[in-house]
Amino acid sequence: VDSAMSKAERAAKSRDPDAIARFEALKK
């Protein structure tokens, strides 16, 4: 999770729905 978090946060800024969902899931 720690290694995926920063990558997911950057990807979520693209507003891609899958990337946003992944980042939100990791935060939970």
PDB file of all heavy atoms in Angstrom:
ATOM      1  N   VAL A   1       0.835  -1.209   0.000  1.00  0.00           N
ATOM      2  CA  VAL A   1       0.000   0.000   0.000  1.00  0.00           C
ATOM      3  C   VAL A   1       0.865   1.251   0.000  1.00  0.00           C
ATOM      4  O   VAL A   1       0.596   2.210  -0.744  1.00  0.00           O
ATOM      5  CB  VAL A   1      -0.952  -0.012   1.211  1.00  0.00           C
ATOM      6  CG1 VAL A   1      -1.640   1.344   1.379  1.00  0.00           C
ATOM      7  CG2 VAL A   1      -1.995  -1.107   1.052  1.00  0.00           C
ATOM      8  N   ASP A   2       1.906   1.257   0.813  1.00  0.00           N
ATOM      9  CA  ASP A   2       2.774   2.439   0.872  1.00  0.00           C
ATOM     10  C   ASP A   2       3.429   2.719  -0.473  1.00  0.00           C
ATOM     11  O   ASP A   2       3.526   3.883  -0.912  1.00  0.00           O
ATOM     12  CB  ASP A   2       3.861   2.246   1.940  1.00  0.00           C
ATOM     13  CG  ASP A   2       3.305   2.309   3.360  1.00  0.00           C
ATOM     14  OD1 ASP A   2       2.159   2.776   3.519  1.00  0.00           O
ATOM     15  OD2 ASP A   2       4.016   1.886   4.291  1.00  0.00           O
ATOM     16  N   SER A   3       3.881   1.670  -1.146  1.00  0.00           N
ATOM     17  CA  SER A   3       4.549   1.869  -2.438  1.00  0.00           C
ATOM     18  C   SER A   3       3.558   2.290  -3.525  1.00  0.00           C
ATOM     19  O   SER A   3       3.938   2.956  -4.491  1.00  0.00           O
ATOM     20  CB  SER A   3       5.272   0.588  -2.858  1.00  0.00           C
ATOM     21  OG  SER A   3       4.355  -0.467  -3.055  1.00  0.00           O
ATOM     22  N   ALA A   4       2.287   1.897  -3.369  1.00  0.00           N
ATOM     23  CA  ALA A   4       1.277   2.237  -4.376  1.00  0.00           C
ATOM     24  C   ALA A   4       0.658   3.612  -4.148  1.00  0.00           C
ATOM     25  O   ALA A   4       0.102   4.206  -5.078  1.00  0.00           O
ATOM     26  CB  ALA A   4       0.166   1.188  -4.376  1.00  0.00           C
ATOM     27  N   MET A   5       0.760   4.123  -2.922  1.00  0.00           N
ATOM     28  CA  MET A   5       0.044   5.343  -2.563  1.00  0.00           C
ATOM     29  C   MET A   5       0.484   6.558  -3.370  1.00  0.00           C
ATOM     30  O   MET A   5      -0.343   7.278  -3.948  1.00  0.00           O
ATOM     31  CB  MET A   5       0.225   5.621  -1.077  1.00  0.00           C
ATOM     32  CG  MET A   5      -0.604   6.790  -0.552  1.00  0.00           C
ATOM     33  SD  MET A   5      -2.369   6.432  -0.488  1.00  0.00           S
ATOM     34  CE  MET A   5      -2.454   5.496   1.038  1.00  0.00           C
ATOM     35  N   SER A   6       1.788   6.830  -3.424  1.00  0.00           N
ATOM     36  CA  SER A   6       2.264   8.027  -4.117  1.00  0.00           C
ATOM     37  C   SER A   6       1.959   7.975  -5.609  1.00  0.00           C
ATOM     38  O   SER A   6       1.558   8.988  -6.215  1.00  0.00           O
ATOM     39  CB  SER A   6       3.767   8.216  -3.890  1.00  0.00           C
ATOM     40  OG  SER A   6       4.474   7.076  -4.332  1.00  0.00           O
ATOM     41  N   LYS A   7       2.118   6.812  -6.200  1.00  0.00           N
ATOM     42  CA  LYS A   7       1.807   6.647  -7.624  1.00  0.00           C
ATOM     43  C   LYS A   7       0.312   6.877  -7.871  1.00  0.00           C
ATOM     44  O   LYS A   7      -0.077   7.529  -8.844  1.00  0.00           O
ATOM     45  CB  LYS A   7       2.218   5.252  -8.085  1.00  0.00           C
ATOM     46  CG  LYS A   7       1.960   4.992  -9.566  1.00  0.00           C
ATOM     47  CD  LYS A   7       2.416   3.593  -9.959  1.00  0.00           C
ATOM     48  CE  LYS A   7       2.120   3.318 -11.430  1.00  0.00           C
ATOM     49  NZ  LYS A   7       2.530   1.940 -11.817  1.00  0.00           N
ATOM     50  N   ALA A   8      -0.524   6.326  -6.984  1.00  0.00           N
ATOM     51  CA  ALA A   8      -1.972   6.485  -7.128  1.00  0.00           C
ATOM     52  C   ALA A   8      -2.395   7.937  -6.966  1.00  0.00           C
ATOM     53  O   ALA A   8      -3.292   8.420  -7.662  1.00  0.00           O
ATOM     54  CB  ALA A   8      -2.690   5.605  -6.106  1.00  0.00           C
ATOM     55  N   GLU A   9      -1.739   8.637  -6.047  1.00  0.00           N
ATOM     56  CA  GLU A   9      -2.077  10.054  -5.829  1.00  0.00           C
ATOM     57  C   GLU A   9      -1.773  10.885  -7.066  1.00  0.00           C
ATOM     58  O   GLU A   9      -2.562  11.735  -7.484  1.00  0.00           O
ATOM     59  CB  GLU A   9      -1.305  10.590  -4.630  1.00  0.00           C
ATOM     60  CG  GLU A   9      -1.680  12.020  -4.262  1.00  0.00           C
ATOM     61  CD  GLU A   9      -0.991  12.496  -2.990  1.00  0.00           C
ATOM     62  OE1 GLU A   9      -0.055  11.815  -2.520  1.00  0.00           O
ATOM     63  OE2 GLU A   9      -1.404  13.548  -2.465  1.00  0.00           O
ATOM     64  N   ARG A  10      -0.616  10.616  -7.687  1.00  0.00           N
ATOM     65  CA  ARG A  10      -0.263  11.338  -8.917  1.00  0.00           C
ATOM     66  C   ARG A  10      -1.250  11.007 -10.040  1.00  0.00           C
ATOM     67  O   ARG A  10      -1.690  11.896 -10.775  1.00  0.00           O
ATOM     68  CB  ARG A  10       1.165  10.970  -9.352  1.00  0.00           C
ATOM     69  CG  ARG A  10       2.254  11.507  -8.464  1.00  0.00           C
ATOM     70  CD  ARG A  10       3.621  11.392  -9.134  1.00  0.00           C
ATOM     71  NE  ARG A  10       3.951  10.001  -9.483  1.00  0.00           N
ATOM     72  CZ  ARG A  10       4.564   9.147  -8.669  1.00  0.00           C
ATOM     73  NH1 ARG A  10       4.912   9.530  -7.446  1.00  0.00           N
ATOM     74  NH2 ARG A  10       4.835   7.925  -9.068  1.00  0.00           N
ATOM     75  N   ALA A  11      -1.591   9.738 -10.174  1.00  0.00           N
ATOM     76  CA  ALA A  11      -2.508   9.323 -11.233  1.00  0.00           C
ATOM     77  C   ALA A  11      -3.899   9.913 -11.036  1.00  0.00           C
ATOM     78  O   ALA A  11      -4.592  10.245 -12.005  1.00  0.00           O
ATOM     79  CB  ALA A  11      -2.593   7.796 -11.283  1.00  0.00           C
ATOM     80  N   ALA A  12      -4.322  10.082  -9.777  1.00  0.00           N
ATOM     81  CA  ALA A  12      -5.659  10.611  -9.488  1.00  0.00           C
ATOM     82  C   ALA A  12      -5.807  12.054  -9.948  1.00  0.00           C
ATOM     83  O   ALA A  12      -6.926  12.516 -10.227  1.00  0.00           O
ATOM     84  CB  ALA A  12      -5.957  10.501  -8.001  1.00  0.00           C
ATOM     85  N   LYS A  13      -4.701  12.780 -10.038  1.00  0.00           N
ATOM     86  CA  LYS A  13      -4.753  14.183 -10.470  1.00  0.00           C
ATOM     87  C   LYS A  13      -5.163  14.305 -11.940  1.00  0.00           C
ATOM     88  O   LYS A  13      -5.576  15.374 -12.389  1.00  0.00           O
ATOM     89  CB  LYS A  13      -3.390  14.849 -10.243  1.00  0.00           C
ATOM     90  CG  LYS A  13      -3.061  15.016  -8.768  1.00  0.00           C
ATOM     91  CD  LYS A  13      -1.678  15.604  -8.563  1.00  0.00           C
ATOM     92  CE  LYS A  13      -1.362  15.743  -7.069  1.00  0.00           C
ATOM     93  NZ  LYS A  13       0.002  16.258  -6.832  1.00  0.00           N
ATOM     94  N   SER A  14      -5.073  13.197 -12.665  1.00  0.00           N
ATOM     95  CA  SER A  14      -5.495  13.203 -14.070  1.00  0.00           C
ATOM     96  C   SER A  14      -7.011  13.162 -14.196  1.00  0.00           C
ATOM     97  O   SER A  14      -7.550  13.274 -15.292  1.00  0.00           O
ATOM     98  CB  SER A  14      -4.898  11.998 -14.799  1.00  0.00           C
ATOM     99  OG  SER A  14      -5.502  10.786 -14.337  1.00  0.00           O
ATOM    100  N   ARG A  15      -7.685  12.958 -13.068  1.00  0.00           N
ATOM    101  CA  ARG A  15      -9.155  12.855 -12.992  1.00  0.00           C
ATOM    102  C   ARG A  15      -9.693  11.606 -13.661  1.00  0.00           C
ATOM    103  O   ARG A  15     -10.886  11.493 -13.933  1.00  0.00           O
ATOM    104  CB  ARG A  15      -9.847  14.092 -13.597  1.00  0.00           C
ATOM    105  CG  ARG A  15      -9.365  15.437 -13.095  1.00  0.00           C
ATOM    106  CD  ARG A  15      -9.300  15.491 -11.586  1.00  0.00           C
ATOM    107  NE  ARG A  15     -10.628  15.305 -10.966  1.00  0.00           N
ATOM    108  CZ  ARG A  15     -10.833  15.118  -9.665  1.00  0.00           C
ATOM    109  NH1 ARG A  15      -9.806  15.024  -8.842  1.00  0.00           N
ATOM    110  NH2 ARG A  15     -12.060  14.977  -9.204  1.00  0.00           N
ATOM    111  N   ASP A  16      -8.825  10.645 -13.933  1.00  0.00           N
ATOM    112  CA  ASP A  16      -9.278   9.351 -14.453  1.00  0.00           C
ATOM    113  C   ASP A  16     -10.076   8.641 -13.358  1.00  0.00           C
ATOM    114  O   ASP A  16      -9.580   8.498 -12.225  1.00  0.00           O
ATOM    115  CB  ASP A  16      -8.077   8.494 -14.856  1.00  0.00           C
ATOM    116  CG  ASP A  16      -8.509   7.104 -15.308  1.00  0.00           C
ATOM    117  OD1 ASP A  16      -9.081   6.981 -16.394  1.00  0.00           O
ATOM    118  OD2 ASP A  16      -8.295   6.142 -14.524  1.00  0.00           O
ATOM    119  N   PRO A  17     -11.313   8.193 -13.653  1.00  0.00           N
ATOM    120  CA  PRO A  17     -12.162   7.580 -12.613  1.00  0.00           C
ATOM    121  C   PRO A  17     -11.518   6.382 -11.916  1.00  0.00           C
ATOM    122  O   PRO A  17     -11.624   6.233 -10.703  1.00  0.00           O
ATOM    123  CB  PRO A  17     -13.413   7.155 -13.396  1.00  0.00           C
ATOM    124  CG  PRO A  17     -13.457   8.078 -14.571  1.00  0.00           C
ATOM    125  CD  PRO A  17     -12.024   8.319 -14.941  1.00  0.00           C
ATOM    126  N   ASP A  18     -10.846   5.511 -12.686  1.00  0.00           N
ATOM    127  CA  ASP A  18     -10.200   4.345 -12.085  1.00  0.00           C
ATOM    128  C   ASP A  18      -9.075   4.768 -11.141  1.00  0.00           C
ATOM    129  O   ASP A  18      -8.903   4.180 -10.057  1.00  0.00           O
ATOM    130  CB  ASP A  18      -9.639   3.423 -13.165  1.00  0.00           C
ATOM    131  CG  ASP A  18     -10.729   2.673 -13.910  1.00  0.00           C
ATOM    132  OD1 ASP A  18     -11.868   2.613 -13.394  1.00  0.00           O
ATOM    133  OD2 ASP A  18     -10.447   2.157 -15.006  1.00  0.00           O
ATOM    134  N   ALA A  19      -8.301   5.770 -11.562  1.00  0.00           N
ATOM    135  CA  ALA A  19      -7.190   6.254 -10.738  1.00  0.00           C
ATOM    136  C   ALA A  19      -7.704   6.878  -9.446  1.00  0.00           C
ATOM    137  O   ALA A  19      -7.128   6.683  -8.370  1.00  0.00           O
ATOM    138  CB  ALA A  19      -6.352   7.265 -11.524  1.00  0.00           C
ATOM    139  N   ILE A  20      -8.799   7.609  -9.554  1.00  0.00           N
ATOM    140  CA  ILE A  20      -9.395   8.225  -8.361  1.00  0.00           C
ATOM    141  C   ILE A  20      -9.905   7.152  -7.406  1.00  0.00           C
ATOM    142  O   ILE A  20      -9.681   7.213  -6.187  1.00  0.00           O
ATOM    143  CB  ILE A  20     -10.544   9.179  -8.762  1.00  0.00           C
ATOM    144  CG1 ILE A  20      -9.982  10.388  -9.533  1.00  0.00           C
ATOM    145  CG2 ILE A  20     -11.321   9.647  -7.531  1.00  0.00           C
ATOM    146  CD1 ILE A  20     -11.053  11.271 -10.144  1.00  0.00           C
ATOM    147  N   ALA A  21     -10.583   6.160  -7.966  1.00  0.00           N
ATOM    148  CA  ALA A  21     -11.111   5.074  -7.129  1.00  0.00           C
ATOM    149  C   ALA A  21      -9.978   4.333  -6.428  1.00  0.00           C
ATOM    150  O   ALA A  21     -10.099   3.961  -5.247  1.00  0.00           O
ATOM    151  CB  ALA A  21     -11.926   4.107  -7.990  1.00  0.00           C
ATOM    152  N   ARG A  22      -8.876   4.110  -7.131  1.00  0.00           N
ATOM    153  CA  ARG A  22      -7.730   3.402  -6.543  1.00  0.00           C
ATOM    154  C   ARG A  22      -7.140   4.214  -5.390  1.00  0.00           C
ATOM    155  O   ARG A  22      -6.852   3.657  -4.313  1.00  0.00           O
ATOM    156  CB  ARG A  22      -6.666   3.148  -7.612  1.00  0.00           C
ATOM    157  CG  ARG A  22      -5.539   2.214  -7.159  1.00  0.00           C
ATOM    158  CD  ARG A  22      -4.594   1.970  -8.324  1.00  0.00           C
ATOM    159  NE  ARG A  22      -3.562   0.997  -8.027  1.00  0.00           N
ATOM    160  CZ  ARG A  22      -3.698  -0.316  -8.128  1.00  0.00           C
ATOM    161  NH1 ARG A  22      -4.844  -0.829  -8.521  1.00  0.00           N
ATOM    162  NH2 ARG A  22      -2.700  -1.133  -7.841  1.00  0.00           N
ATOM    163  N   PHE A  23      -6.967   5.509  -5.598  1.00  0.00           N
ATOM    164  CA  PHE A  23      -6.390   6.365  -4.561  1.00  0.00           C
ATOM    165  C   PHE A  23      -7.299   6.424  -3.336  1.00  0.00           C
ATOM    166  O   PHE A  23      -6.834   6.332  -2.190  1.00  0.00           O
ATOM    167  CB  PHE A  23      -6.147   7.771  -5.122  1.00  0.00           C
ATOM    168  CG  PHE A  23      -5.505   8.716  -4.146  1.00  0.00           C
ATOM    169  CD1 PHE A  23      -4.382   8.330  -3.424  1.00  0.00           C
ATOM    170  CD2 PHE A  23      -6.022   9.990  -3.948  1.00  0.00           C
ATOM    171  CE1 PHE A  23      -3.774   9.202  -2.522  1.00  0.00           C
ATOM    172  CE2 PHE A  23      -5.430  10.859  -3.050  1.00  0.00           C
ATOM    173  CZ  PHE A  23      -4.304  10.459  -2.340  1.00  0.00           C
ATOM    174  N   GLU A  24      -8.600   6.547  -3.568  1.00  0.00           N
ATOM    175  CA  GLU A  24      -9.548   6.596  -2.439  1.00  0.00           C
ATOM    176  C   GLU A  24      -9.552   5.281  -1.666  1.00  0.00           C
ATOM    177  O   GLU A  24      -9.647   5.270  -0.430  1.00  0.00           O
ATOM    178  CB  GLU A  24     -10.953   6.916  -2.953  1.00  0.00           C
ATOM    179  CG  GLU A  24     -11.129   8.320  -3.507  1.00  0.00           C
ATOM    180  CD  GLU A  24     -10.813   9.390  -2.471  1.00  0.00           C
ATOM    181  OE1 GLU A  24     -11.213   9.212  -1.291  1.00  0.00           O
ATOM    182  OE2 GLU A  24     -10.158  10.388  -2.824  1.00  0.00           O
ATOM    183  N   ALA A  25      -9.451   4.168  -2.389  1.00  0.00           N
ATOM    184  CA  ALA A  25      -9.407   2.860  -1.732  1.00  0.00           C
ATOM    185  C   ALA A  25      -8.155   2.723  -0.878  1.00  0.00           C
ATOM    186  O   ALA A  25      -8.207   2.256   0.269  1.00  0.00           O
ATOM    187  CB  ALA A  25      -9.462   1.744  -2.769  1.00  0.00           C
ATOM    188  N   LEU A  26      -7.021   3.155  -1.408  1.00  0.00           N
ATOM    189  CA  LEU A  26      -5.769   3.076  -0.661  1.00  0.00           C
ATOM    190  C   LEU A  26      -5.817   3.929   0.601  1.00  0.00           C
ATOM    191  O   LEU A  26      -5.281   3.537   1.654  1.00  0.00           O
ATOM    192  CB  LEU A  26      -4.599   3.515  -1.546  1.00  0.00           C
ATOM    193  CG  LEU A  26      -4.182   2.524  -2.636  1.00  0.00           C
ATOM    194  CD1 LEU A  26      -3.251   3.181  -3.652  1.00  0.00           C
ATOM    195  CD2 LEU A  26      -3.493   1.308  -2.016  1.00  0.00           C
ATOM    196  N   LYS A  27      -6.458   5.091   0.510  1.00  0.00           N
ATOM    197  CA  LYS A  27      -6.580   5.973   1.692  1.00  0.00           C
ATOM    198  C   LYS A  27      -7.416   5.320   2.789  1.00  0.00           C
ATOM    199  O   LYS A  27      -7.202   5.576   3.977  1.00  0.00           O
ATOM    200  CB  LYS A  27      -7.183   7.323   1.297  1.00  0.00           C
ATOM    201  CG  LYS A  27      -6.229   8.215   0.523  1.00  0.00           C
ATOM    202  CD  LYS A  27      -6.697   9.656   0.476  1.00  0.00           C
ATOM    203  CE  LYS A  27      -8.000   9.813  -0.273  1.00  0.00           C
ATOM    204  NZ  LYS A  27      -8.414  11.238  -0.347  1.00  0.00           N
ATOM    205  N   LYS A  28      -8.366   4.464   2.409  1.00  0.00           N
ATOM    206  CA  LYS A  28      -9.185   3.755   3.404  1.00  0.00           C
ATOM    207  C   LYS A  28      -8.438   2.549   3.977  1.00  0.00           C
ATOM    208  O   LYS A  28      -8.586   2.214   5.156  1.00  0.00           O
ATOM    209  CB  LYS A  28     -10.499   3.295   2.757  1.00  0.00           C
ATOM    210  CG  LYS A  28     -11.443   4.439   2.411  1.00  0.00           C
ATOM    211  CD  LYS A  28     -12.698   3.922   1.724  1.00  0.00           C
ATOM    212  CE  LYS A  28     -13.645   5.070   1.366  1.00  0.00           C
ATOM    213  NZ  LYS A  28     -14.852   4.598   0.636  1.00  0.00           N
TER     214      LYS A  28
END
